[in-house]
Amino acid sequence: MYAFSRSRFAWALLTAGAALLLLIALFFQYVQGYHPCVMCVYQRAALVGVILAGLLGWLAPQGMPGNLALPGWLAASAKGYLLAEEHVGYQLNPSPFNQCSSFAEFPAWAPLDRWMPALFHPTGDCADVDWSWLGWSMPQWLMGIFALLAGLAAFFIVVRLVGALRRGVRREA
């Protein structure tokens, strides 16, 4: 697993998988006609974070960029999970007192909704459940997906740490 975690193939799988999820979101928006809410847009941003971490790891899987990509992958996945969980709360407990914003509030240094409105401009309502499969809404599925991504990132961080420790012990012996 240590060698796999340091391979370009592993990082390519992560990048392609996250990019596929983003393409699926765009399919739902532009082909199926579902309007993304602000929480959907934030979850897309978290997916872009996973994609960027994957690209960084793919560029240099065995060097410092690969080592920095792992915590980036974990952070983006954990943030995505928290956003999806909050979104599920809006869907399961809709009320005038439990609503998301209608406008994206990205930082001033990265106004993604202005830079790429086709991807990050919200037009929907967070409480709407437009789509479900096997009884789960889209943010419920994303909670599972982001949990899996975060779990894999944590696993590979441990694999890298254990592998580095073992290599260090072998060098000393």
Protein backbone atom coordinates (compact mmCIF):
# COMPACT_ATOMS: atom_id res chain seq x y z
CA MET A 1 0.00 0.00 0.00
CA TYR A 2 2.93 2.32 0.69
CA ALA A 3 4.16 2.05 -2.91
CA PHE A 4 0.61 2.49 -4.24
CA SER A 5 0.13 5.66 -2.16
CA ARG A 6 3.22 7.09 -3.83
CA SER A 7 2.20 6.18 -7.38
CA ARG A 8 0.90 8.47 -10.09
CA PHE A 9 -1.84 5.90 -10.78
CA ALA A 10 -3.31 6.29 -7.28
CA TRP A 11 -3.41 10.06 -7.61
CA ALA A 12 -4.84 9.80 -11.13
CA LEU A 13 -7.66 7.60 -9.78
CA LEU A 14 -8.47 10.15 -7.09
CA THR A 15 -8.39 13.05 -9.56
CA ALA A 16 -10.50 11.23 -12.16
CA GLY A 17 -13.03 10.06 -9.57
CA ALA A 18 -13.51 13.54 -8.10
CA ALA A 19 -13.68 15.07 -11.59
CA LEU A 20 -16.33 12.50 -12.54
CA LEU A 21 -18.41 13.53 -9.51
CA LEU A 22 -18.14 17.16 -10.59
CA LEU A 23 -19.20 16.24 -14.13
CA ILE A 24 -22.19 14.35 -12.71
CA ALA A 25 -23.19 17.48 -10.79
CA LEU A 26 -23.01 19.49 -14.01
CA PHE A 27 -25.08 16.82 -15.77
CA PHE A 28 -27.78 17.18 -13.14
CA GLN A 29 -27.68 20.96 -13.53
CA TYR A 30 -27.45 21.42 -17.28
CA VAL A 31 -29.08 18.24 -18.66
CA GLN A 32 -31.60 17.31 -15.98
CA GLY A 33 -32.44 20.94 -15.12
CA TYR A 34 -31.83 20.82 -11.35
CA HIS A 35 -30.83 24.16 -9.85
CA PRO A 36 -27.85 24.05 -7.46
CA CYS A 37 -28.29 25.75 -4.12
CA VAL A 38 -25.55 27.53 -2.22
CA MET A 39 -24.70 24.36 -0.27
CA CYS A 40 -24.43 22.42 -3.55
CA VAL A 41 -22.03 25.06 -4.82
CA TYR A 42 -19.93 24.85 -1.65
CA GLN A 43 -19.79 21.05 -1.97
CA ARG A 44 -18.62 21.50 -5.55
CA ALA A 45 -15.86 23.74 -4.23
CA ALA A 46 -14.83 20.98 -1.82
CA LEU A 47 -14.71 18.55 -4.76
CA VAL A 48 -12.49 21.00 -6.61
CA GLY A 49 -10.24 20.96 -3.53
CA VAL A 50 -10.00 17.17 -3.79
CA ILE A 51 -9.26 17.48 -7.53
CA LEU A 52 -6.51 20.05 -6.86
CA ALA A 53 -4.98 17.84 -4.17
CA GLY A 54 -5.12 14.91 -6.59
CA LEU A 55 -3.41 16.93 -9.31
CA LEU A 56 -0.71 18.05 -6.89
CA GLY A 57 -0.10 14.45 -5.82
CA TRP A 58 -0.12 13.29 -9.43
CA LEU A 59 2.53 15.84 -10.42
CA ALA A 60 4.99 14.68 -7.75
CA PRO A 61 3.63 11.65 -5.87
CA GLN A 62 6.88 10.81 -4.10
CA GLY A 63 8.14 14.28 -3.26
CA MET A 64 7.03 17.09 -1.00
CA PRO A 65 4.00 17.98 -3.19
CA GLY A 66 2.66 14.45 -2.73
CA ASN A 67 3.16 14.74 1.00
CA LEU A 68 1.29 18.07 1.04
CA ALA A 69 -1.48 16.71 -1.17
CA LEU A 70 -2.55 14.12 1.41
CA PRO A 71 -3.58 16.60 4.14
CA GLY A 72 -5.13 18.78 1.42
CA TRP A 73 -7.19 15.82 0.25
CA LEU A 74 -8.23 15.07 3.84
CA ALA A 75 -9.14 18.70 4.57
CA ALA A 76 -11.21 19.13 1.39
CA SER A 77 -13.01 15.82 2.00
CA ALA A 78 -13.74 16.62 5.65
CA LYS A 79 -15.04 20.08 4.70
CA GLY A 80 -17.20 18.52 1.98
CA TYR A 81 -18.64 16.08 4.51
CA LEU A 82 -19.50 18.90 6.94
CA LEU A 83 -21.13 20.92 4.15
CA ALA A 84 -23.17 17.91 2.99
CA GLU A 85 -24.23 17.23 6.57
CA GLU A 86 -25.40 20.84 6.97
CA HIS A 87 -27.25 20.57 3.65
CA VAL A 88 -29.03 17.41 4.83
CA GLY A 89 -30.13 19.38 7.90
CA TYR A 90 -31.77 21.99 5.68
CA GLN A 91 -33.59 19.24 3.78
CA LEU A 92 -34.73 17.23 6.80
CA ASN A 93 -35.73 20.23 8.93
CA PRO A 94 -37.04 22.91 6.57
CA SER A 95 -38.39 25.99 8.29
CA PRO A 96 -38.20 29.75 7.97
CA PHE A 97 -35.64 29.70 10.79
CA ASN A 98 -33.43 27.04 9.20
CA GLN A 99 -32.52 28.29 5.74
CA CYS A 100 -29.33 28.65 3.77
CA SER A 101 -28.30 31.83 2.05
CA SER A 102 -29.34 32.55 -1.51
CA PHE A 103 -25.92 33.94 -2.36
CA ALA A 104 -22.52 32.27 -2.31
CA GLU A 105 -20.16 33.85 0.18
CA PHE A 106 -16.72 32.91 -1.10
CA PRO A 107 -13.70 34.78 0.24
CA ALA A 108 -12.83 38.08 -1.46
CA TRP A 109 -9.55 36.57 -2.69
CA ALA A 110 -11.38 33.71 -4.45
CA PRO A 111 -14.85 34.78 -5.67
CA LEU A 112 -15.53 31.50 -7.44
CA ASP A 113 -19.14 32.44 -8.16
CA ARG A 114 -17.91 35.42 -10.23
CA TRP A 115 -14.91 33.66 -11.78
CA MET A 116 -16.83 30.55 -12.85
CA PRO A 117 -20.58 31.21 -12.58
CA ALA A 118 -21.44 28.17 -14.70
CA LEU A 119 -20.03 26.01 -11.91
CA PHE A 120 -20.42 28.06 -8.73
CA HIS A 121 -23.48 30.31 -9.10
CA PRO A 122 -26.34 29.12 -6.84
CA THR A 123 -29.91 29.33 -8.12
CA GLY A 124 -31.75 26.70 -6.08
CA ASP A 125 -33.16 26.24 -2.59
CA CYS A 126 -31.27 24.11 -0.07
CA ALA A 127 -34.45 22.59 1.38
CA ASP A 128 -35.62 21.20 -1.98
CA VAL A 129 -35.15 17.47 -2.51
CA ASP A 130 -35.21 17.31 -6.30
CA TRP A 131 -33.51 13.95 -6.65
CA SER A 132 -33.15 10.81 -4.57
CA TRP A 133 -31.96 7.30 -5.17
CA LEU A 134 -32.56 4.34 -2.86
CA GLY A 135 -34.22 6.75 -0.45
CA TRP A 136 -31.23 9.08 -0.11
CA SER A 137 -31.07 12.62 -1.39
CA MET A 138 -28.04 13.96 -3.25
CA PRO A 139 -26.43 15.55 -0.15
CA GLN A 140 -26.94 12.31 1.78
CA TRP A 141 -25.04 10.47 -0.95
CA LEU A 142 -22.37 13.16 -0.85
CA MET A 143 -22.01 12.69 2.92
CA GLY A 144 -21.14 9.06 2.23
CA ILE A 145 -18.84 9.93 -0.66
CA PHE A 146 -16.98 12.60 1.29
CA ALA A 147 -16.74 10.28 4.32
CA LEU A 148 -15.22 7.61 2.09
CA LEU A 149 -12.79 10.13 0.57
CA ALA A 150 -11.78 11.40 4.02
CA GLY A 151 -11.36 7.84 5.30
CA LEU A 152 -9.17 6.94 2.35
CA ALA A 153 -7.07 10.07 2.83
CA ALA A 154 -6.60 9.26 6.53
CA PHE A 155 -5.73 5.67 5.66
CA PHE A 156 -3.09 6.74 3.14
CA ILE A 157 -1.65 9.25 5.61
CA VAL A 158 -1.22 6.41 8.12
CA VAL A 159 0.22 4.15 5.40
CA ARG A 160 2.74 6.84 4.49
CA LEU A 161 3.70 7.47 8.12
CA VAL A 162 4.12 3.77 8.90
CA GLY A 163 6.05 3.25 5.67
CA ALA A 164 8.35 6.17 6.42
CA LEU A 165 8.94 4.88 9.97
CA ARG A 166 9.75 1.39 8.70
CA ARG A 167 12.16 2.76 6.13
CA GLY A 168 13.80 4.86 8.84
CA VAL A 169 14.20 1.81 11.12
CA ARG A 170 15.71 -0.24 8.27
CA ARG A 171 18.27 2.47 7.53
CA GLU A 172 19.41 2.59 11.15
CA ALA A 173 19.76 -1.18 11.43
